[in-house]
Amino acid sequence: MSANLSATDLSRAFARGELSPVEATEAALARIEAWEPRINAMFIVHRDQARADARASEARWRGKHPLSALDGVPITIKENIHTKGDAAPIGTKANEGAAAPAADAPPATRVREAGCVLLGKTTMSDYGMLSSGLSSMHGITRNPWRLDRNTSGSSSGAGAAAVAGYGPLHLGTDIGGSVRLPATHCGIFALKPTLGRVPVNPPFLGRVTGPMTRTVTDSALLMNELTRPDARDFMSIAYQPIDYVAALAGNLEMWARTQRIAFLPDMRCGLPVDPAVREAAQAAARAMEKLGCVVEEIPSFLTPELQDGVCRFFEARSYNEIAQLSSERRGRILPFITEWCTHRAKAFSGRNVMGSVNALFALREATVRATAPFDFVISPTSPILPYEAEFAAPGNDPHNALPHIAFTVPYNMSEQPAASLNWHYSADHLPIGVQIIGRRFDDVGVLRMARVLEQLRPTQREFPA
């Protein structure tokens, strides 16, 4: 079925005339109709516009003038990435009824320019500040692998949509793990690029947009379009016309043998590492060692104090937003979020806030210092397996809402590229991903290392149908 084809395969089929964008779009829309009553991954579905865009793409392919290799390929975009005319409540009922954006955000602009068929907008948690599929606006987004399990978040809908076959391409955002955590819990691939590599609007400390796909090559295809420059992002880095797909060609195993790899099995902060998660990460590191790489285990560079500093920063940031709302609007927010960001932050002094900001920079320094001697780091993505679907966080404790981001958040602060690739599955068939981290600006290297591991990993299970 075309709903299971990768973007790479669809593009080739379109070029050969073996399949049309109209057929691919109809297959993706059929998957949405079949899955949505169970998983709730979509906020908006643009059925009519998607069909019209697919017909236009079909005409371009027939005329031999596609806009890009991704012309006609179905895509979903996370709700908080603005698309002109679509509501963007940022996951919370507090913003219900707000005016729709008048313009596309840079990533949406790029994929439209490439001719992608936008199927619609995916769900997310309130303000993007939960690694969960729970939202006051959208309800519960469930994991297609097991409906009683959490997708993680905040790019919850994107992760579930990728598993369910709502097209091969999905855009999420990540400020502490929000594309990588859904990737590990949903059994897909996701890349958190170097900060500024993919222009966004508005930019912010640690915030990126990244591709979420079933394959590494599909994310590389999407990076070819997403990285084009956009002046609206005043934190973007200098544009480099890199062909990310071409970078995956050649003998990558020979290249990989020359790389020095750190293995980080345990952050020793937050939640303990599940034995199945540890084994998956160790297996990935052993696979690289057997290939001929130098692999060295390294200790954690994160301390409970640094992790708490990051948590205090996010609490203060969110409390600042909530404090500006009327009491009526505050009452619409998920109570878990309100309790999480007010129980400490309402008493923060300026010194407390500056202390949390300083903790971010201390974490950045510690992360860079620990990883600088190595070309790449391999670690778990999350310390745990997918947790209860109805929970706002593992353990559901608003006074400890972010205990599971220790492996992901450091690289948002250090601006390093990091990806999550599904490796294997637990005894009860839940996905387990491993994380690949590179040096700042080496997005190509992370994709290449992920592609090597993708070829070395154990046989993968079929996605749930």
Protein backbone atom coordinates (compact mmCIF):
# COMPACT_ATOMS: atom_id res chain seq x y z
CA MET A 1 0.00 0.00 0.00
CA SER A 2 1.25 3.51 -0.83
CA ALA A 3 0.51 4.61 2.76
CA ASN A 4 3.49 2.50 3.86
CA LEU A 5 5.90 3.76 1.22
CA SER A 6 8.73 6.06 2.23
CA ALA A 7 9.04 9.55 0.80
CA THR A 8 12.04 8.28 -1.15
CA ASP A 9 9.97 5.49 -2.71
CA LEU A 10 7.03 7.78 -3.44
CA SER A 11 9.27 10.32 -5.18
CA ARG A 12 10.76 7.62 -7.39
CA ALA A 13 7.33 6.19 -8.17
CA PHE A 14 6.02 9.65 -9.09
CA ALA A 15 8.99 10.24 -11.40
CA ARG A 16 8.40 6.91 -13.15
CA GLY A 17 4.67 7.43 -13.41
CA GLU A 18 3.98 4.27 -11.41
CA LEU A 19 2.05 6.11 -8.73
CA SER A 20 0.47 9.55 -8.49
CA PRO A 21 0.39 12.11 -5.65
CA VAL A 22 -3.39 11.77 -5.75
CA GLU A 23 -3.16 8.05 -4.93
CA ALA A 24 -0.62 8.68 -2.16
CA THR A 25 -2.78 11.40 -0.64
CA GLU A 26 -5.93 9.26 -0.77
CA ALA A 27 -4.07 6.40 0.92
CA ALA A 28 -2.88 8.70 3.71
CA LEU A 29 -6.36 10.19 4.18
CA ALA A 30 -7.80 6.67 4.39
CA ARG A 31 -5.31 5.86 7.16
CA ILE A 32 -6.41 8.99 9.02
CA GLU A 33 -10.04 7.96 8.77
CA ALA A 34 -9.26 4.47 10.03
CA TRP A 35 -6.90 5.40 12.89
CA GLU A 36 -8.17 8.72 14.25
CA PRO A 37 -11.04 7.38 16.37
CA ARG A 38 -8.43 5.37 18.27
CA ILE A 39 -5.27 7.46 18.43
CA ASN A 40 -6.37 11.13 18.09
CA ALA A 41 -3.21 12.36 16.37
CA MET A 42 -4.77 15.12 14.24
CA PHE A 43 -6.00 18.57 15.27
CA ILE A 44 -6.96 19.68 11.75
CA VAL A 45 -7.34 17.56 8.59
CA HIS A 46 -7.30 19.45 5.27
CA ARG A 47 -9.00 16.83 3.13
CA ASP A 48 -10.24 19.05 0.30
CA GLN A 49 -7.13 21.22 0.08
CA ALA A 50 -4.85 18.17 0.26
CA ARG A 51 -6.69 16.61 -2.66
CA ALA A 52 -6.44 19.82 -4.68
CA ASP A 53 -2.71 20.12 -3.92
CA ALA A 54 -2.20 16.48 -4.89
CA ARG A 55 -3.89 17.05 -8.26
CA ALA A 56 -1.68 20.07 -8.91
CA SER A 57 1.40 18.02 -8.02
CA GLU A 58 0.26 15.20 -10.30
CA ALA A 59 0.11 17.68 -13.20
CA ARG A 60 3.63 18.92 -12.44
CA TRP A 61 5.06 15.39 -12.41
CA ARG A 62 3.29 14.60 -15.70
CA GLY A 63 4.76 17.76 -17.16
CA LYS A 64 8.23 16.76 -15.91
CA HIS A 65 8.63 19.89 -13.79
CA PRO A 66 8.17 18.93 -10.13
CA LEU A 67 9.02 21.60 -7.58
CA SER A 68 11.36 19.23 -5.72
CA ALA A 69 11.92 15.54 -5.04
CA LEU A 70 9.22 15.89 -2.36
CA ASP A 71 6.58 17.32 -4.68
CA GLY A 72 3.30 15.53 -3.92
CA VAL A 73 4.57 13.69 -0.85
CA PRO A 74 2.05 13.89 2.05
CA ILE A 75 3.17 15.64 5.21
CA THR A 76 1.75 16.60 8.61
CA ILE A 77 2.88 19.64 10.62
CA LYS A 78 2.73 20.05 14.40
CA GLU A 79 0.04 22.42 15.59
CA ASN A 80 2.48 25.04 16.98
CA ILE A 81 4.30 25.47 13.64
CA HIS A 82 2.17 28.22 12.15
CA THR A 83 0.33 27.60 8.91
CA LYS A 84 -1.64 30.48 7.44
CA GLY A 85 -5.29 30.44 8.48
CA ASP A 86 -5.01 27.46 10.83
CA ALA A 87 -5.67 27.90 14.53
CA ALA A 88 -2.57 27.46 16.69
CA PRO A 89 -3.67 27.21 20.34
CA ILE A 90 -0.29 25.68 21.32
CA GLY A 91 -2.05 22.68 22.80
CA THR A 92 -4.05 24.54 25.42
CA LYS A 93 -7.70 25.54 25.76
CA ALA A 94 -6.48 28.81 27.24
CA ASN A 95 -5.81 29.90 23.65
CA GLU A 96 -9.02 28.54 22.18
CA GLY A 97 -10.58 31.08 19.83
CA ALA A 98 -7.38 33.10 19.29
CA ALA A 99 -6.86 34.59 15.84
CA ALA A 100 -5.30 32.22 13.33
CA PRO A 101 -1.79 33.04 12.09
CA ALA A 102 -1.68 35.28 9.04
CA ALA A 103 1.45 33.65 7.60
CA ASP A 104 3.27 30.32 7.43
CA ALA A 105 6.23 29.78 9.75
CA PRO A 106 9.53 29.13 7.94
CA PRO A 107 9.33 25.30 8.02
CA ALA A 108 5.78 25.38 6.63
CA THR A 109 6.89 27.83 3.94
CA ARG A 110 9.72 25.52 2.89
CA VAL A 111 7.60 22.37 2.56
CA ARG A 112 4.92 24.23 0.60
CA GLU A 113 7.62 25.55 -1.73
CA ALA A 114 8.78 21.95 -2.16
CA GLY A 115 5.27 20.93 -3.22
CA CYS A 116 4.49 18.69 -0.24
CA VAL A 117 0.81 17.92 0.29
CA LEU A 118 -0.18 19.20 3.73
CA LEU A 119 -2.64 16.71 5.21
CA GLY A 120 -3.20 18.79 8.35
CA LYS A 121 -1.93 19.71 11.81
CA THR A 122 -0.98 17.26 14.56
CA THR A 123 -1.70 17.40 18.27
CA MET A 124 0.58 18.50 21.11
CA SER A 125 0.54 18.99 24.88
CA ASP A 126 -0.30 22.31 26.60
CA TYR A 127 2.33 24.90 25.65
CA GLY A 128 4.58 22.04 24.50
CA MET A 129 5.73 21.70 28.10
CA LEU A 130 4.82 18.06 28.68
CA SER A 131 6.55 15.04 27.25
CA SER A 132 3.13 13.45 26.96
CA GLY A 133 0.19 12.95 24.65
CA LEU A 134 -2.16 14.70 27.07
CA SER A 135 -3.64 18.12 26.24
CA SER A 136 -6.48 20.29 27.53
CA MET A 137 -7.17 21.26 23.91
CA HIS A 138 -6.72 17.98 22.08
CA GLY A 139 -7.43 15.33 24.71
CA ILE A 140 -5.37 12.12 24.77
CA THR A 141 -3.18 11.10 21.84
CA ARG A 142 -2.52 7.37 22.06
CA ASN A 143 0.37 5.21 20.95
CA PRO A 144 -0.60 3.03 17.95
CA TRP A 145 1.67 0.23 19.18
CA ARG A 146 -0.52 -0.09 22.27
CA LEU A 147 -3.44 2.21 22.86
CA ASP A 148 -3.01 2.26 26.64
CA ARG A 149 0.55 3.60 26.24
CA ASN A 150 1.76 7.19 25.93
CA THR A 151 3.29 8.60 22.75
CA SER A 152 5.43 10.96 24.83
CA GLY A 153 5.62 14.53 23.55
CA SER A 154 5.26 17.28 23.02
CA SER A 155 5.22 16.26 19.33
CA SER A 156 2.76 13.54 20.29
CA GLY A 157 0.51 13.68 17.24
CA ALA A 158 3.47 13.68 14.86
CA GLY A 159 4.89 10.54 16.45
CA ALA A 160 1.57 8.70 16.37
CA ALA A 161 0.87 9.85 12.80
CA ALA A 162 4.21 8.48 11.59
CA VAL A 163 3.46 5.08 13.11
CA ALA A 164 -0.08 5.00 11.70
CA GLY A 165 1.01 5.83 8.17
CA TYR A 166 -0.42 9.34 7.79
CA GLY A 167 2.10 9.89 5.02
CA PRO A 168 5.86 9.48 5.40
CA LEU A 169 6.83 13.00 6.53
CA HIS A 170 6.07 14.78 9.80
CA LEU A 171 7.35 18.00 11.37
CA GLY A 172 7.76 18.38 15.12
CA THR A 173 9.46 20.79 17.50
CA ASP A 174 11.97 20.09 20.26
CA ILE A 175 13.09 22.23 23.21
CA GLY A 176 13.99 19.45 25.65
CA GLY A 177 13.37 16.21 23.76
CA SER A 178 10.04 16.78 22.03
CA VAL A 179 10.84 15.06 18.73
CA ARG A 180 13.23 12.46 20.14
CA LEU A 181 11.07 11.25 23.04
CA PRO A 182 8.04 10.55 20.81
CA ALA A 183 10.44 8.90 18.37
CA THR A 184 11.71 6.39 20.93
CA HIS A 185 8.26 5.64 22.31
CA CYS A 186 6.70 5.37 18.84
CA GLY A 187 9.50 3.41 17.17
CA ILE A 188 10.41 5.96 14.48
CA PHE A 189 13.36 8.20 13.56
CA ALA A 190 13.62 11.87 14.51
CA LEU A 191 16.36 14.45 14.17
CA LYS A 192 16.85 17.45 16.45
CA PRO A 193 19.07 19.61 14.26
CA THR A 194 21.75 22.02 15.40
CA LEU A 195 20.06 25.13 16.78
CA GLY A 196 19.54 27.53 13.87
CA ARG A 197 20.08 24.94 11.15
CA VAL A 198 16.34 24.92 10.36
CA PRO A 199 14.99 28.49 10.51
CA VAL A 200 11.99 28.97 12.82
CA ASN A 201 9.84 31.89 13.89
CA PRO A 202 9.95 32.91 16.65
CA PRO A 203 13.37 31.51 17.62
CA PHE A 204 14.13 30.76 21.27
CA LEU A 205 16.84 29.20 23.39
CA GLY A 206 17.03 25.48 22.60
CA ARG A 207 13.98 25.43 20.28
CA VAL A 208 14.24 23.61 16.95
CA THR A 209 12.00 22.13 14.29
CA GLY A 210 12.97 18.66 13.14
CA PRO A 211 11.81 15.86 10.84
CA MET A 212 10.03 12.79 12.21
CA THR A 213 9.96 9.88 9.77
CA ARG A 214 10.14 6.10 9.57
CA THR A 215 13.55 6.16 7.85
CA VAL A 216 16.76 8.14 8.13
CA THR A 217 16.83 8.88 4.40
CA ASP A 218 13.37 10.46 4.52
CA SER A 219 14.56 12.86 7.21
CA ALA A 220 17.57 13.71 5.04
CA LEU A 221 15.21 14.46 2.14
CA LEU A 222 13.22 16.79 4.35
CA MET A 223 16.36 18.50 5.65
CA ASN A 224 17.24 19.43 2.07
CA GLU A 225 14.17 21.68 2.08
CA LEU A 226 13.89 22.76 5.73
CA THR A 227 17.39 24.21 5.96
CA ARG A 228 16.90 26.85 3.26
CA PRO A 229 17.45 30.34 4.70
CA ASP A 230 14.73 32.55 6.16
CA ALA A 231 15.48 36.04 7.48
CA ARG A 232 12.75 35.80 10.12
CA ASP A 233 14.99 33.60 12.28
CA PHE A 234 17.51 36.00 13.82
CA MET A 235 19.22 33.05 15.58
CA SER A 236 19.74 30.98 12.42
CA ILE A 237 23.22 29.94 11.38
CA ALA A 238 24.77 30.63 7.98
CA TYR A 239 23.05 28.59 5.28
CA GLN A 240 25.06 25.79 3.73
CA PRO A 241 23.72 24.22 0.51
CA ILE A 242 24.20 20.65 1.74
CA ASP A 243 22.65 17.68 -0.04
CA TYR A 244 21.80 15.59 3.00
CA VAL A 245 20.65 12.65 0.89
CA ALA A 246 23.86 12.54 -1.14
CA ALA A 247 25.77 12.58 2.16
CA LEU A 248 24.27 9.17 2.95
CA ALA A 249 25.70 7.59 -0.21
CA GLY A 250 28.91 5.60 -0.40
CA ASN A 251 30.50 3.18 2.02
CA LEU A 252 29.27 4.55 5.33
CA GLU A 253 30.57 1.57 7.30
CA MET A 254 34.12 2.35 6.20
CA TRP A 255 33.59 5.98 7.23
CA ALA A 256 32.13 4.93 10.57
CA ARG A 257 35.19 2.86 11.44
CA THR A 258 37.23 6.06 11.62
CA GLN A 259 34.92 7.68 14.18
CA ARG A 260 35.51 7.81 17.91
CA ILE A 261 32.32 7.08 19.84
CA ALA A 262 31.35 7.64 23.46
CA PHE A 263 28.79 5.36 25.08
CA LEU A 264 26.75 7.01 27.82
CA PRO A 265 24.54 4.33 29.42
CA ASP A 266 23.24 6.20 32.45
CA MET A 267 22.74 9.88 33.29
CA ARG A 268 22.22 9.00 36.99
CA CYS A 269 19.61 11.76 37.24
CA GLY A 270 15.87 11.58 37.08
CA LEU A 271 14.37 8.17 36.45
CA PRO A 272 16.50 4.99 36.58
CA VAL A 273 17.24 3.35 33.25
CA ASP A 274 14.98 0.41 32.48
CA PRO A 275 17.04 -2.79 31.90
CA ALA A 276 15.54 -3.25 28.41
CA VAL A 277 16.48 0.32 27.49
CA ARG A 278 20.02 -0.14 28.78
CA GLU A 279 20.41 -3.37 26.81
CA ALA A 280 19.25 -1.71 23.57
CA ALA A 281 21.76 1.12 23.94
CA GLN A 282 24.54 -1.32 24.84
CA ALA A 283 23.69 -3.44 21.81
CA ALA A 284 23.96 -0.39 19.53
CA ALA A 285 27.33 0.51 21.03
CA ARG A 286 28.54 -3.10 20.67
CA ALA A 287 27.46 -3.11 17.03
CA MET A 288 29.66 -0.10 16.35
CA GLU A 289 32.54 -1.70 18.25
CA LYS A 290 32.23 -4.87 16.16
CA LEU A 291 32.32 -2.68 13.07
CA GLY A 292 35.74 -1.46 14.15
CA CYS A 293 34.95 1.83 15.88
CA VAL A 294 36.70 2.97 19.02
CA VAL A 295 33.91 3.00 21.64
CA GLU A 296 34.56 4.31 25.13
CA GLU A 297 32.04 4.34 27.97
CA ILE A 298 31.81 7.73 29.70
CA PRO A 299 30.26 8.74 33.01
CA SER A 300 27.35 11.14 33.37
CA PHE A 301 28.07 14.84 33.17
CA LEU A 302 24.63 15.80 34.50
CA THR A 303 24.01 16.46 38.19
CA PRO A 304 20.68 16.63 40.03
CA GLU A 305 21.39 20.32 40.63
CA LEU A 306 21.85 21.05 36.92
CA GLN A 307 18.76 19.09 35.98
CA ASP A 308 16.75 20.93 38.62
CA GLY A 309 18.07 24.22 37.27
CA VAL A 310 16.71 23.34 33.84
CA CYS A 311 13.36 22.41 35.41
CA ARG A 312 13.26 25.70 37.31
CA PHE A 313 13.93 27.60 34.08
CA PHE A 314 11.04 25.90 32.28
CA GLU A 315 8.79 26.46 35.31
CA ALA A 316 9.64 30.16 35.43
CA ARG A 317 9.14 30.54 31.67
CA SER A 318 5.74 28.87 31.76
CA TYR A 319 4.64 30.68 34.92
CA ASN A 320 5.44 33.98 33.22
CA GLU A 321 3.06 33.08 30.39
CA ILE A 322 0.28 31.85 32.69
CA ALA A 323 0.54 34.84 35.04
CA GLN A 324 -0.43 37.16 32.19
CA LEU A 325 -3.74 35.36 31.58
CA SER A 326 -7.11 36.19 33.05
CA SER A 327 -8.36 33.84 35.75
CA GLU A 328 -10.96 32.51 33.28
CA ARG A 329 -8.29 31.57 30.74
CA ARG A 330 -5.99 30.12 33.39
CA GLY A 331 -8.86 27.86 34.42
CA ARG A 332 -8.87 26.23 30.97
CA ILE A 333 -5.26 25.04 31.19
CA LEU A 334 -4.57 21.42 32.04
CA PRO A 335 -4.51 21.48 35.88
CA PHE A 336 -1.30 19.43 35.89
CA ILE A 337 0.47 22.19 33.94
CA THR A 338 -0.83 24.94 36.20
CA GLU A 339 0.30 23.12 39.33
CA TRP A 340 3.66 22.22 37.80
CA CYS A 341 4.64 25.74 36.81
CA THR A 342 3.23 27.59 39.83
CA HIS A 343 4.03 25.47 42.87
CA ARG A 344 7.62 26.77 42.98
CA ALA A 345 7.82 29.55 40.40
CA LYS A 346 5.18 31.76 42.03
CA ALA A 347 7.71 32.37 44.81
CA PHE A 348 10.79 32.77 42.61
CA SER A 349 12.87 35.91 43.08
CA GLY A 350 14.96 37.51 40.37
CA ARG A 351 17.94 35.73 41.87
CA ASN A 352 16.14 32.37 41.54
CA VAL A 353 15.37 33.04 37.89
CA MET A 354 18.93 34.11 37.08
CA GLY A 355 20.18 31.04 38.89
CA SER A 356 18.11 28.85 36.57
CA VAL A 357 19.44 30.70 33.51
CA ASN A 358 22.98 30.23 34.76
CA ALA A 359 22.23 26.51 35.20
CA LEU A 360 21.45 26.29 31.48
CA PHE A 361 24.85 27.71 30.61
CA ALA A 362 26.56 25.48 33.15
CA LEU A 363 24.82 22.49 31.59
CA ARG A 364 25.93 23.63 28.15
CA GLU A 365 29.53 23.85 29.33
CA ALA A 366 29.40 20.43 31.00
CA THR A 367 27.83 18.83 27.94
CA VAL A 368 30.37 20.23 25.49
CA ARG A 369 33.30 19.43 27.76
CA ALA A 370 32.21 15.80 28.22
CA THR A 371 31.45 15.12 24.55
CA ALA A 372 34.17 17.18 22.83
CA PRO A 373 36.79 14.36 22.74
CA PHE A 374 34.42 12.20 20.68
CA ASP A 375 32.92 12.38 17.22
CA PHE A 376 29.60 10.94 18.40
CA VAL A 377 27.81 9.80 21.53
CA ILE A 378 25.41 6.85 21.76
CA SER A 379 22.96 6.72 24.65
CA PRO A 380 19.39 5.80 25.48
CA THR A 381 16.88 8.40 24.28
CA SER A 382 14.55 7.95 27.25
CA PRO A 383 15.31 5.97 30.41
CA ILE A 384 11.88 4.32 30.32
CA LEU A 385 9.45 2.43 28.13
CA PRO A 386 6.16 4.09 27.07
CA TYR A 387 4.10 4.89 30.17
CA GLU A 388 0.33 5.21 30.77
CA ALA A 389 -1.55 7.08 28.03
CA GLU A 390 -3.66 9.06 30.50
CA PHE A 391 -0.65 10.38 32.44
CA ALA A 392 0.74 13.88 31.95
CA ALA A 393 4.21 12.61 32.89
CA PRO A 394 5.79 9.39 34.13
CA GLY A 395 4.41 8.95 37.65
CA ASN A 396 1.85 11.72 37.00
CA ASP A 397 3.38 13.97 39.68
CA PRO A 398 3.16 17.70 38.81
CA HIS A 399 5.93 18.41 41.32
CA ASN A 400 8.25 16.14 39.31
CA ALA A 401 7.01 16.61 35.77
CA LEU A 402 10.27 16.21 33.82
CA PRO A 403 12.09 13.26 35.39
CA HIS A 404 12.66 11.53 32.04
CA ILE A 405 14.44 14.20 29.94
CA ALA A 406 17.95 13.75 31.33
CA PHE A 407 19.27 12.10 28.15
CA THR A 408 17.74 14.65 25.75
CA VAL A 409 17.67 18.17 27.24
CA PRO A 410 21.46 18.69 27.51
CA TYR A 411 21.80 18.81 23.72
CA ASN A 412 19.12 21.47 23.36
CA MET A 413 21.21 23.66 25.65
CA SER A 414 24.51 22.79 23.93
CA GLU A 415 22.87 23.23 20.49
CA GLN A 416 24.31 19.91 19.28
CA PRO A 417 22.45 17.78 16.74
CA ALA A 418 20.89 14.63 18.17
CA ALA A 419 18.65 11.92 16.75
CA SER A 420 16.61 9.00 18.01
CA LEU A 421 16.52 5.76 16.01
CA ASN A 422 14.42 2.76 16.93
CA TRP A 423 16.71 -0.13 17.80
CA HIS A 424 14.62 -3.00 19.11
CA TYR A 425 11.57 -3.84 21.25
CA SER A 426 10.78 -4.79 24.83
CA ALA A 427 9.46 -8.21 25.85
CA ASP A 428 5.93 -6.92 25.36
CA HIS A 429 6.76 -5.47 21.92
CA LEU A 430 7.10 -1.78 22.81
CA PRO A 431 9.69 0.21 20.80
CA ILE A 432 13.05 1.21 22.25
CA GLY A 433 15.14 3.90 20.60
CA VAL A 434 18.78 4.87 20.92
CA GLN A 435 20.12 8.39 20.69
CA ILE A 436 22.97 9.54 18.45
CA ILE A 437 24.59 12.88 19.31
CA GLY A 438 27.14 14.75 17.22
CA ARG A 439 29.25 17.85 17.51
CA ARG A 440 27.60 21.20 16.95
CA PHE A 441 26.93 21.82 13.24
CA ASP A 442 27.57 18.17 12.29
CA ASP A 443 23.99 17.35 11.32
CA VAL A 444 25.31 15.40 8.34
CA GLY A 445 27.43 13.24 10.61
CA VAL A 446 24.50 12.42 12.89
CA LEU A 447 22.40 11.39 9.89
CA ARG A 448 25.26 9.26 8.56
CA MET A 449 25.86 7.53 11.89
CA ALA A 450 22.10 6.97 12.23
CA ARG A 451 22.03 5.42 8.78
CA VAL A 452 24.85 3.05 9.73
CA LEU A 453 22.98 1.98 12.87
CA GLU A 454 19.77 1.67 10.88
CA GLN A 455 21.51 -0.93 8.71
CA LEU A 456 23.07 -2.74 11.69
CA ARG A 457 20.03 -2.91 13.97
CA PRO A 458 17.98 -6.08 14.49
CA THR A 459 15.09 -6.90 12.20
CA GLN A 460 12.26 -4.46 12.80
CA ARG A 461 8.64 -5.32 13.50
CA GLU A 462 5.95 -4.31 11.03
CA PHE A 463 4.21 -1.08 12.00
CA PRO A 464 0.73 -1.71 13.44
CA ALA A 465 -1.93 -1.73 10.73
